[in-house]
Amino acid sequence: GERERTAYPHLWRDITEQEVISRYTLSEEELKWVQHYRGN
């Protein structure tokens, strides 16, 4: 219970759609940076 009260970040299996969008949307700059990568 105390661990859940901390700010230590977690990625829960039941993450919501809103949370996915909030956390995992690539910015325009990030997208360009990734697309310059020659690997996966």
ModelCIF file with pLDDT and N, C-alpha, C, O atoms, coordinates in Angstrom:
data_MODEL
#
_entry.id   MODEL 
#
_entity.id                         1 
_entity.type                       polymer 
_entity.pdbx_number_of_molecules   1 
#
_entity_poly.entity_id                      1 
_entity_poly.type                           'polypeptide(L)' 
_entity_poly.nstd_linkage                   no 
_entity_poly.nstd_monomer                   no 
_entity_poly.pdbx_seq_one_letter_code       GERERTAYPHLWRDITEQEVISRYTLSEEELKWVQHYRGN 
_entity_poly.pdbx_seq_one_letter_code_can   GERERTAYPHLWRDITEQEVISRYTLSEEELKWVQHYRGN 
_entity_poly.pdbx_strand_id                 A 
#
loop_
_entity_poly_seq.entity_id 
_entity_poly_seq.num 
_entity_poly_seq.mon_id 
_entity_poly_seq.hetero 
1 1  GLY n 
1 2  GLU n 
1 3  ARG n 
1 4  GLU n 
1 5  ARG n 
1 6  THR n 
1 7  ALA n 
1 8  TYR n 
1 9  PRO n 
1 10 HIS n 
1 11 LEU n 
1 12 TRP n 
1 13 ARG n 
1 14 ASP n 
1 15 ILE n 
1 16 THR n 
1 17 GLU n 
1 18 GLN n 
1 19 GLU n 
1 20 VAL n 
1 21 ILE n 
1 22 SER n 
1 23 ARG n 
1 24 TYR n 
1 25 THR n 
1 26 LEU n 
1 27 SER n 
1 28 GLU n 
1 29 GLU n 
1 30 GLU n 
1 31 LEU n 
1 32 LYS n 
1 33 TRP n 
1 34 VAL n 
1 35 GLN n 
1 36 HIS n 
1 37 TYR n 
1 38 ARG n 
1 39 GLY n 
1 40 ASN n 
#
_struct_asym.id          A 
_struct_asym.entity_id   1 
#
loop_
_ma_qa_metric.id 
_ma_qa_metric.mode 
_ma_qa_metric.name 
_ma_qa_metric.software_group_id 
_ma_qa_metric.type 
1 global pLDDT . pLDDT 
2 local  pLDDT . pLDDT 
#
_ma_qa_metric_global.metric_id      1 
_ma_qa_metric_global.metric_value   92.70 
_ma_qa_metric_global.model_id       1 
_ma_qa_metric_global.ordinal_id     1 
#
loop_
_ma_qa_metric_local.label_asym_id 
_ma_qa_metric_local.label_comp_id 
_ma_qa_metric_local.label_seq_id 
_ma_qa_metric_local.metric_id 
_ma_qa_metric_local.metric_value 
_ma_qa_metric_local.model_id 
_ma_qa_metric_local.ordinal_id 
A GLY 1  2 59.00 1 1  
A GLU 2  2 65.00 1 2  
A ARG 3  2 69.00 1 3  
A GLU 4  2 78.00 1 4  
A ARG 5  2 82.00 1 5  
A THR 6  2 92.00 1 6  
A ALA 7  2 93.00 1 7  
A TYR 8  2 95.00 1 8  
A PRO 9  2 95.00 1 9  
A HIS 10 2 92.00 1 10 
A LEU 11 2 94.00 1 11 
A TRP 12 2 91.00 1 12 
A ARG 13 2 90.00 1 13 
A ASP 14 2 92.00 1 14 
A ILE 15 2 95.00 1 15 
A THR 16 2 96.00 1 16 
A GLU 17 2 96.00 1 17 
A GLN 18 2 96.00 1 18 
A GLU 19 2 96.00 1 19 
A VAL 20 2 97.00 1 20 
A ILE 21 2 97.00 1 21 
A SER 22 2 96.00 1 22 
A ARG 23 2 97.00 1 23 
A TYR 24 2 98.00 1 24 
A THR 25 2 98.00 1 25 
A LEU 26 2 98.00 1 26 
A SER 27 2 98.00 1 27 
A GLU 28 2 97.00 1 28 
A GLU 29 2 98.00 1 29 
A GLU 30 2 98.00 1 30 
A LEU 31 2 98.00 1 31 
A LYS 32 2 97.00 1 32 
A TRP 33 2 98.00 1 33 
A VAL 34 2 98.00 1 34 
A GLN 35 2 97.00 1 35 
A HIS 36 2 97.00 1 36 
A TYR 37 2 97.00 1 37 
A ARG 38 2 95.00 1 38 
A GLY 39 2 96.00 1 39 
A ASN 40 2 97.00 1 40 
#
loop_
_atom_site.group_PDB 
_atom_site.id 
_atom_site.type_symbol 
_atom_site.label_atom_id 
_atom_site.label_alt_id 
_atom_site.label_comp_id 
_atom_site.label_asym_id 
_atom_site.label_entity_id 
_atom_site.label_seq_id 
_atom_site.pdbx_PDB_ins_code 
_atom_site.Cartn_x 
_atom_site.Cartn_y 
_atom_site.Cartn_z 
_atom_site.occupancy 
_atom_site.B_iso_or_equiv 
_atom_site.pdbx_formal_charge 
_atom_site.auth_seq_id 
_atom_site.auth_comp_id 
_atom_site.auth_asym_id 
_atom_site.auth_atom_id 
_atom_site.pdbx_PDB_model_num 
ATOM 1   N N  . GLY A 1 1  ? 0.808  -1.211 0.000   1.00 59.00 ? 1  GLY A N  1 
ATOM 2   C CA . GLY A 1 1  ? 0.000  0.000  0.000   1.00 59.00 ? 1  GLY A CA 1 
ATOM 3   C C  . GLY A 1 1  ? 0.840  1.258  0.000   1.00 59.00 ? 1  GLY A C  1 
ATOM 4   O O  . GLY A 1 1  ? 0.494  2.243  -0.653  1.00 59.00 ? 1  GLY A O  1 
ATOM 5   N N  . GLU A 1 2  ? 1.958  1.229  0.740   1.00 65.00 ? 2  GLU A N  1 
ATOM 6   C CA . GLU A 1 2  ? 2.840  2.386  0.784   1.00 65.00 ? 2  GLU A CA 1 
ATOM 7   C C  . GLU A 1 2  ? 3.581  2.555  -0.542  1.00 65.00 ? 2  GLU A C  1 
ATOM 8   O O  . GLU A 1 2  ? 3.823  3.680  -0.980  1.00 65.00 ? 2  GLU A O  1 
ATOM 9   N N  . ARG A 1 3  ? 3.938  1.448  -1.176  1.00 69.00 ? 3  ARG A N  1 
ATOM 10  C CA . ARG A 1 3  ? 4.619  1.538  -2.471  1.00 69.00 ? 3  ARG A CA 1 
ATOM 11  C C  . ARG A 1 3  ? 3.737  2.239  -3.484  1.00 69.00 ? 3  ARG A C  1 
ATOM 12  O O  . ARG A 1 3  ? 4.231  3.038  -4.278  1.00 69.00 ? 3  ARG A O  1 
ATOM 13  N N  . GLU A 1 4  ? 2.452  1.961  -3.475  1.00 78.00 ? 4  GLU A N  1 
ATOM 14  C CA . GLU A 1 4  ? 1.535  2.585  -4.415  1.00 78.00 ? 4  GLU A CA 1 
ATOM 15  C C  . GLU A 1 4  ? 1.360  4.070  -4.146  1.00 78.00 ? 4  GLU A C  1 
ATOM 16  O O  . GLU A 1 4  ? 0.902  4.810  -5.017  1.00 78.00 ? 4  GLU A O  1 
ATOM 17  N N  . ARG A 1 5  ? 1.720  4.513  -2.944  1.00 82.00 ? 5  ARG A N  1 
ATOM 18  C CA . ARG A 1 5  ? 1.622  5.932  -2.606  1.00 82.00 ? 5  ARG A CA 1 
ATOM 19  C C  . ARG A 1 5  ? 2.841  6.716  -3.073  1.00 82.00 ? 5  ARG A C  1 
ATOM 20  O O  . ARG A 1 5  ? 2.824  7.947  -3.045  1.00 82.00 ? 5  ARG A O  1 
ATOM 21  N N  . THR A 1 6  ? 3.880  6.041  -3.495  1.00 92.00 ? 6  THR A N  1 
ATOM 22  C CA . THR A 1 6  ? 5.080  6.739  -3.937  1.00 92.00 ? 6  THR A CA 1 
ATOM 23  C C  . THR A 1 6  ? 4.919  7.188  -5.389  1.00 92.00 ? 6  THR A C  1 
ATOM 24  O O  . THR A 1 6  ? 4.012  6.755  -6.100  1.00 92.00 ? 6  THR A O  1 
ATOM 25  N N  . ALA A 1 7  ? 5.820  8.059  -5.798  1.00 93.00 ? 7  ALA A N  1 
ATOM 26  C CA . ALA A 1 7  ? 5.814  8.563  -7.177  1.00 93.00 ? 7  ALA A CA 1 
ATOM 27  C C  . ALA A 1 7  ? 6.611  7.660  -8.120  1.00 93.00 ? 7  ALA A C  1 
ATOM 28  O O  . ALA A 1 7  ? 6.799  7.997  -9.289  1.00 93.00 ? 7  ALA A O  1 
ATOM 29  N N  . TYR A 1 8  ? 7.079  6.511  -7.614  1.00 95.00 ? 8  TYR A N  1 
ATOM 30  C CA . TYR A 1 8  ? 7.877  5.625  -8.472  1.00 95.00 ? 8  TYR A CA 1 
ATOM 31  C C  . TYR A 1 8  ? 7.002  5.142  -9.630  1.00 95.00 ? 8  TYR A C  1 
ATOM 32  O O  . TYR A 1 8  ? 5.940  4.564  -9.402  1.00 95.00 ? 8  TYR A O  1 
ATOM 33  N N  . PRO A 1 9  ? 7.441  5.374  -10.869 1.00 95.00 ? 9  PRO A N  1 
ATOM 34  C CA . PRO A 1 9  ? 6.577  5.073  -12.022 1.00 95.00 ? 9  PRO A CA 1 
ATOM 35  C C  . PRO A 1 9  ? 6.430  3.582  -12.293 1.00 95.00 ? 9  PRO A C  1 
ATOM 36  O O  . PRO A 1 9  ? 7.352  2.799  -12.067 1.00 95.00 ? 9  PRO A O  1 
ATOM 37  N N  . HIS A 1 10 ? 5.261  3.210  -12.779 1.00 92.00 ? 10 HIS A N  1 
ATOM 38  C CA . HIS A 1 10 ? 4.955  1.814  -13.123 1.00 92.00 ? 10 HIS A CA 1 
ATOM 39  C C  . HIS A 1 10 ? 4.250  1.786  -14.468 1.00 92.00 ? 10 HIS A C  1 
ATOM 40  O O  . HIS A 1 10 ? 3.633  2.771  -14.873 1.00 92.00 ? 10 HIS A O  1 
ATOM 41  N N  . LEU A 1 11 ? 4.340  0.678  -15.147 1.00 94.00 ? 11 LEU A N  1 
ATOM 42  C CA . LEU A 1 11 ? 3.560  0.446  -16.360 1.00 94.00 ? 11 LEU A CA 1 
ATOM 43  C C  . LEU A 1 11 ? 2.638  -0.729 -16.076 1.00 94.00 ? 11 LEU A C  1 
ATOM 44  O O  . LEU A 1 11 ? 3.056  -1.887 -16.092 1.00 94.00 ? 11 LEU A O  1 
ATOM 45  N N  . TRP A 1 12 ? 1.375  -0.408 -15.814 1.00 91.00 ? 12 TRP A N  1 
ATOM 46  C CA . TRP A 1 12 ? 0.406  -1.437 -15.451 1.00 91.00 ? 12 TRP A CA 1 
ATOM 47  C C  . TRP A 1 12 ? -0.138 -2.140 -16.690 1.00 91.00 ? 12 TRP A C  1 
ATOM 48  O O  . TRP A 1 12 ? -0.249 -1.532 -17.755 1.00 91.00 ? 12 TRP A O  1 
ATOM 49  N N  . ARG A 1 13 ? -0.471 -3.403 -16.553 1.00 90.00 ? 13 ARG A N  1 
ATOM 50  C CA . ARG A 1 13 ? -1.047 -4.175 -17.659 1.00 90.00 ? 13 ARG A CA 1 
ATOM 51  C C  . ARG A 1 13 ? -2.381 -3.591 -18.122 1.00 90.00 ? 13 ARG A C  1 
ATOM 52  O O  . ARG A 1 13 ? -2.722 -3.659 -19.303 1.00 90.00 ? 13 ARG A O  1 
ATOM 53  N N  . ASP A 1 14 ? -3.138 -3.010 -17.169 1.00 92.00 ? 14 ASP A N  1 
ATOM 54  C CA . ASP A 1 14 ? -4.450 -2.464 -17.509 1.00 92.00 ? 14 ASP A CA 1 
ATOM 55  C C  . ASP A 1 14 ? -4.385 -0.964 -17.784 1.00 92.00 ? 14 ASP A C  1 
ATOM 56  O O  . ASP A 1 14 ? -5.341 -0.243 -17.497 1.00 92.00 ? 14 ASP A O  1 
ATOM 57  N N  . ILE A 1 15 ? -3.272 -0.485 -18.335 1.00 95.00 ? 15 ILE A N  1 
ATOM 58  C CA . ILE A 1 15 ? -3.124 0.924  -18.667 1.00 95.00 ? 15 ILE A CA 1 
ATOM 59  C C  . ILE A 1 15 ? -4.269 1.363  -19.579 1.00 95.00 ? 15 ILE A C  1 
ATOM 60  O O  . ILE A 1 15 ? -4.653 0.632  -20.492 1.00 95.00 ? 15 ILE A O  1 
ATOM 61  N N  . THR A 1 16 ? -4.809 2.548  -19.335 1.00 96.00 ? 16 THR A N  1 
ATOM 62  C CA . THR A 1 16 ? -5.962 3.020  -20.091 1.00 96.00 ? 16 THR A CA 1 
ATOM 63  C C  . THR A 1 16 ? -5.534 3.590  -21.442 1.00 96.00 ? 16 THR A C  1 
ATOM 64  O O  . THR A 1 16 ? -4.360 3.894  -21.653 1.00 96.00 ? 16 THR A O  1 
ATOM 65  N N  . GLU A 1 17 ? -6.492 3.731  -22.347 1.00 96.00 ? 17 GLU A N  1 
ATOM 66  C CA . GLU A 1 17 ? -6.220 4.313  -23.654 1.00 96.00 ? 17 GLU A CA 1 
ATOM 67  C C  . GLU A 1 17 ? -5.716 5.748  -23.501 1.00 96.00 ? 17 GLU A C  1 
ATOM 68  O O  . GLU A 1 17 ? -4.789 6.161  -24.198 1.00 96.00 ? 17 GLU A O  1 
ATOM 69  N N  . GLN A 1 18 ? -6.321 6.497  -22.598 1.00 96.00 ? 18 GLN A N  1 
ATOM 70  C CA . GLN A 1 18 ? -5.895 7.878  -22.363 1.00 96.00 ? 18 GLN A CA 1 
ATOM 71  C C  . GLN A 1 18 ? -4.448 7.939  -21.885 1.00 96.00 ? 18 GLN A C  1 
ATOM 72  O O  . GLN A 1 18 ? -3.680 8.804  -22.308 1.00 96.00 ? 18 GLN A O  1 
ATOM 73  N N  . GLU A 1 19 ? -4.086 7.012  -21.001 1.00 96.00 ? 19 GLU A N  1 
ATOM 74  C CA . GLU A 1 19 ? -2.721 6.976  -20.478 1.00 96.00 ? 19 GLU A CA 1 
ATOM 75  C C  . GLU A 1 19 ? -1.728 6.583  -21.564 1.00 96.00 ? 19 GLU A C  1 
ATOM 76  O O  . GLU A 1 19 ? -0.624 7.124  -21.620 1.00 96.00 ? 19 GLU A O  1 
ATOM 77  N N  . VAL A 1 20 ? -2.106 5.656  -22.417 1.00 97.00 ? 20 VAL A N  1 
ATOM 78  C CA . VAL A 1 20 ? -1.231 5.253  -23.524 1.00 97.00 ? 20 VAL A CA 1 
ATOM 79  C C  . VAL A 1 20 ? -0.934 6.451  -24.419 1.00 97.00 ? 20 VAL A C  1 
ATOM 80  O O  . VAL A 1 20 ? 0.215  6.689  -24.791 1.00 97.00 ? 20 VAL A O  1 
ATOM 81  N N  . ILE A 1 21 ? -1.969 7.194  -24.757 1.00 97.00 ? 21 ILE A N  1 
ATOM 82  C CA . ILE A 1 21 ? -1.794 8.364  -25.621 1.00 97.00 ? 21 ILE A CA 1 
ATOM 83  C C  . ILE A 1 21 ? -0.950 9.425  -24.930 1.00 97.00 ? 21 ILE A C  1 
ATOM 84  O O  . ILE A 1 21 ? -0.070 10.030 -25.542 1.00 97.00 ? 21 ILE A O  1 
ATOM 85  N N  . SER A 1 22 ? -1.229 9.643  -23.644 1.00 96.00 ? 22 SER A N  1 
ATOM 86  C CA . SER A 1 22 ? -0.502 10.660 -22.890 1.00 96.00 ? 22 SER A CA 1 
ATOM 87  C C  . SER A 1 22 ? 0.978  10.335 -22.771 1.00 96.00 ? 22 SER A C  1 
ATOM 88  O O  . SER A 1 22 ? 1.826  11.219 -22.897 1.00 96.00 ? 22 SER A O  1 
ATOM 89  N N  . ARG A 1 23 ? 1.286  9.064  -22.529 1.00 97.00 ? 23 ARG A N  1 
ATOM 90  C CA . ARG A 1 23 ? 2.666  8.659  -22.265 1.00 97.00 ? 23 ARG A CA 1 
ATOM 91  C C  . ARG A 1 23 ? 3.453  8.273  -23.508 1.00 97.00 ? 23 ARG A C  1 
ATOM 92  O O  . ARG A 1 23 ? 4.672  8.441  -23.536 1.00 97.00 ? 23 ARG A O  1 
ATOM 93  N N  . TYR A 1 24 ? 2.784  7.759  -24.538 1.00 98.00 ? 24 TYR A N  1 
ATOM 94  C CA . TYR A 1 24 ? 3.506  7.100  -25.623 1.00 98.00 ? 24 TYR A CA 1 
ATOM 95  C C  . TYR A 1 24 ? 3.323  7.734  -26.991 1.00 98.00 ? 24 TYR A C  1 
ATOM 96  O O  . TYR A 1 24 ? 3.613  7.106  -28.009 1.00 98.00 ? 24 TYR A O  1 
ATOM 97  N N  . THR A 1 25 ? 2.846  8.970  -27.026 1.00 98.00 ? 25 THR A N  1 
ATOM 98  C CA . THR A 1 25 ? 2.787  9.701  -28.287 1.00 98.00 ? 25 THR A CA 1 
ATOM 99  C C  . THR A 1 25 ? 4.158  10.291 -28.593 1.00 98.00 ? 25 THR A C  1 
ATOM 100 O O  . THR A 1 25 ? 4.714  11.035 -27.785 1.00 98.00 ? 25 THR A O  1 
ATOM 101 N N  . LEU A 1 26 ? 4.691  9.962  -29.743 1.00 98.00 ? 26 LEU A N  1 
ATOM 102 C CA . LEU A 1 26 ? 5.975  10.504 -30.175 1.00 98.00 ? 26 LEU A CA 1 
ATOM 103 C C  . LEU A 1 26 ? 5.787  11.950 -30.633 1.00 98.00 ? 26 LEU A C  1 
ATOM 104 O O  . LEU A 1 26 ? 4.896  12.243 -31.430 1.00 98.00 ? 26 LEU A O  1 
ATOM 105 N N  . SER A 1 27 ? 6.623  12.842 -30.131 1.00 98.00 ? 27 SER A N  1 
ATOM 106 C CA . SER A 1 27 ? 6.587  14.222 -30.607 1.00 98.00 ? 27 SER A CA 1 
ATOM 107 C C  . SER A 1 27 ? 7.158  14.262 -32.023 1.00 98.00 ? 27 SER A C  1 
ATOM 108 O O  . SER A 1 27 ? 7.762  13.292 -32.482 1.00 98.00 ? 27 SER A O  1 
ATOM 109 N N  . GLU A 1 28 ? 6.965  15.387 -32.709 1.00 97.00 ? 28 GLU A N  1 
ATOM 110 C CA . GLU A 1 28 ? 7.487  15.522 -34.066 1.00 97.00 ? 28 GLU A CA 1 
ATOM 111 C C  . GLU A 1 28 ? 9.007  15.375 -34.070 1.00 97.00 ? 28 GLU A C  1 
ATOM 112 O O  . GLU A 1 28 ? 9.579  14.743 -34.959 1.00 97.00 ? 28 GLU A O  1 
ATOM 113 N N  . GLU A 1 29 ? 9.650  15.964 -33.068 1.00 98.00 ? 29 GLU A N  1 
ATOM 114 C CA . GLU A 1 29 ? 11.107 15.875 -32.973 1.00 98.00 ? 29 GLU A CA 1 
ATOM 115 C C  . GLU A 1 29 ? 11.558 14.441 -32.712 1.00 98.00 ? 29 GLU A C  1 
ATOM 116 O O  . GLU A 1 29 ? 12.527 13.972 -33.310 1.00 98.00 ? 29 GLU A O  1 
ATOM 117 N N  . GLU A 1 30 ? 10.850 13.741 -31.812 1.00 98.00 ? 30 GLU A N  1 
ATOM 118 C CA . GLU A 1 30 ? 11.200 12.350 -31.505 1.00 98.00 ? 30 GLU A CA 1 
ATOM 119 C C  . GLU A 1 30 ? 11.020 11.463 -32.726 1.00 98.00 ? 30 GLU A C  1 
ATOM 120 O O  . GLU A 1 30 ? 11.837 10.580 -32.986 1.00 98.00 ? 30 GLU A O  1 
ATOM 121 N N  . LEU A 1 31 ? 9.945  11.700 -33.474 1.00 98.00 ? 31 LEU A N  1 
ATOM 122 C CA . LEU A 1 31 ? 9.673  10.899 -34.666 1.00 98.00 ? 31 LEU A CA 1 
ATOM 123 C C  . LEU A 1 31 ? 10.786 11.070 -35.701 1.00 98.00 ? 31 LEU A C  1 
ATOM 124 O O  . LEU A 1 31 ? 11.230 10.096 -36.309 1.00 98.00 ? 31 LEU A O  1 
ATOM 125 N N  . LYS A 1 32 ? 11.228 12.293 -35.895 1.00 97.00 ? 32 LYS A N  1 
ATOM 126 C CA . LYS A 1 32 ? 12.311 12.540 -36.842 1.00 97.00 ? 32 LYS A CA 1 
ATOM 127 C C  . LYS A 1 32 ? 13.599 11.874 -36.370 1.00 97.00 ? 32 LYS A C  1 
ATOM 128 O O  . LYS A 1 32 ? 14.347 11.314 -37.171 1.00 97.00 ? 32 LYS A O  1 
ATOM 129 N N  . TRP A 1 33 ? 13.852 11.939 -35.057 1.00 98.00 ? 33 TRP A N  1 
ATOM 130 C CA . TRP A 1 33 ? 15.060 11.335 -34.501 1.00 98.00 ? 33 TRP A CA 1 
ATOM 131 C C  . TRP A 1 33 ? 15.057 9.831  -34.713 1.00 98.00 ? 33 TRP A C  1 
ATOM 132 O O  . TRP A 1 33 ? 16.070 9.251  -35.105 1.00 98.00 ? 33 TRP A O  1 
ATOM 133 N N  . VAL A 1 34 ? 13.924 9.201  -34.455 1.00 98.00 ? 34 VAL A N  1 
ATOM 134 C CA . VAL A 1 34 ? 13.816 7.752  -34.627 1.00 98.00 ? 34 VAL A CA 1 
ATOM 135 C C  . VAL A 1 34 ? 13.961 7.373  -36.098 1.00 98.00 ? 34 VAL A C  1 
ATOM 136 O O  . VAL A 1 34 ? 14.606 6.375  -36.418 1.00 98.00 ? 34 VAL A O  1 
ATOM 137 N N  . GLN A 1 35 ? 13.374 8.152  -36.984 1.00 97.00 ? 35 GLN A N  1 
ATOM 138 C CA . GLN A 1 35 ? 13.403 7.824  -38.410 1.00 97.00 ? 35 GLN A CA 1 
ATOM 139 C C  . GLN A 1 35 ? 14.793 7.980  -39.026 1.00 97.00 ? 35 GLN A C  1 
ATOM 140 O O  . GLN A 1 35 ? 15.051 7.466  -40.114 1.00 97.00 ? 35 GLN A O  1 
ATOM 141 N N  . HIS A 1 36 ? 15.686 8.685  -38.336 1.00 97.00 ? 36 HIS A N  1 
ATOM 142 C CA . HIS A 1 36 ? 17.067 8.791  -38.807 1.00 97.00 ? 36 HIS A CA 1 
ATOM 143 C C  . HIS A 1 36 ? 17.909 7.583  -38.369 1.00 97.00 ? 36 HIS A C  1 
ATOM 144 O O  . HIS A 1 36 ? 19.055 7.425  -38.792 1.00 97.00 ? 36 HIS A O  1 
ATOM 145 N N  . TYR A 1 37 ? 17.325 6.745  -37.524 1.00 97.00 ? 37 TYR A N  1 
ATOM 146 C CA . TYR A 1 37 ? 18.037 5.561  -37.039 1.00 97.00 ? 37 TYR A CA 1 
ATOM 147 C C  . TYR A 1 37 ? 17.987 4.483  -38.107 1.00 97.00 ? 37 TYR A C  1 
ATOM 148 O O  . TYR A 1 37 ? 16.925 4.209  -38.664 1.00 97.00 ? 37 TYR A O  1 
ATOM 149 N N  . ARG A 1 38 ? 19.136 3.865  -38.398 1.00 95.00 ? 38 ARG A N  1 
ATOM 150 C CA . ARG A 1 38 ? 19.211 2.890  -39.489 1.00 95.00 ? 38 ARG A CA 1 
ATOM 151 C C  . ARG A 1 38 ? 18.866 1.467  -39.064 1.00 95.00 ? 38 ARG A C  1 
ATOM 152 O O  . ARG A 1 38 ? 18.766 0.572  -39.902 1.00 95.00 ? 38 ARG A O  1 
ATOM 153 N N  . GLY A 1 39 ? 18.686 1.262  -37.775 1.00 96.00 ? 39 GLY A N  1 
ATOM 154 C CA . GLY A 1 39 ? 18.349 -0.075 -37.300 1.00 96.00 ? 39 GLY A CA 1 
ATOM 155 C C  . GLY A 1 39 ? 16.846 -0.263 -37.143 1.00 96.00 ? 39 GLY A C  1 
ATOM 156 O O  . GLY A 1 39 ? 16.054 0.310  -37.892 1.00 96.00 ? 39 GLY A O  1 
ATOM 157 N N  . ASN A 1 40 ? 16.465 -1.072 -36.164 1.00 97.00 ? 40 ASN A N  1 
ATOM 158 C CA . ASN A 1 40 ? 15.052 -1.355 -35.902 1.00 97.00 ? 40 ASN A CA 1 
ATOM 159 C C  . ASN A 1 40 ? 14.424 -0.147 -35.199 1.00 97.00 ? 40 ASN A C  1 
ATOM 160 O O  . ASN A 1 40 ? 13.235 -0.166 -34.882 1.00 97.00 ? 40 ASN A O  1 
#
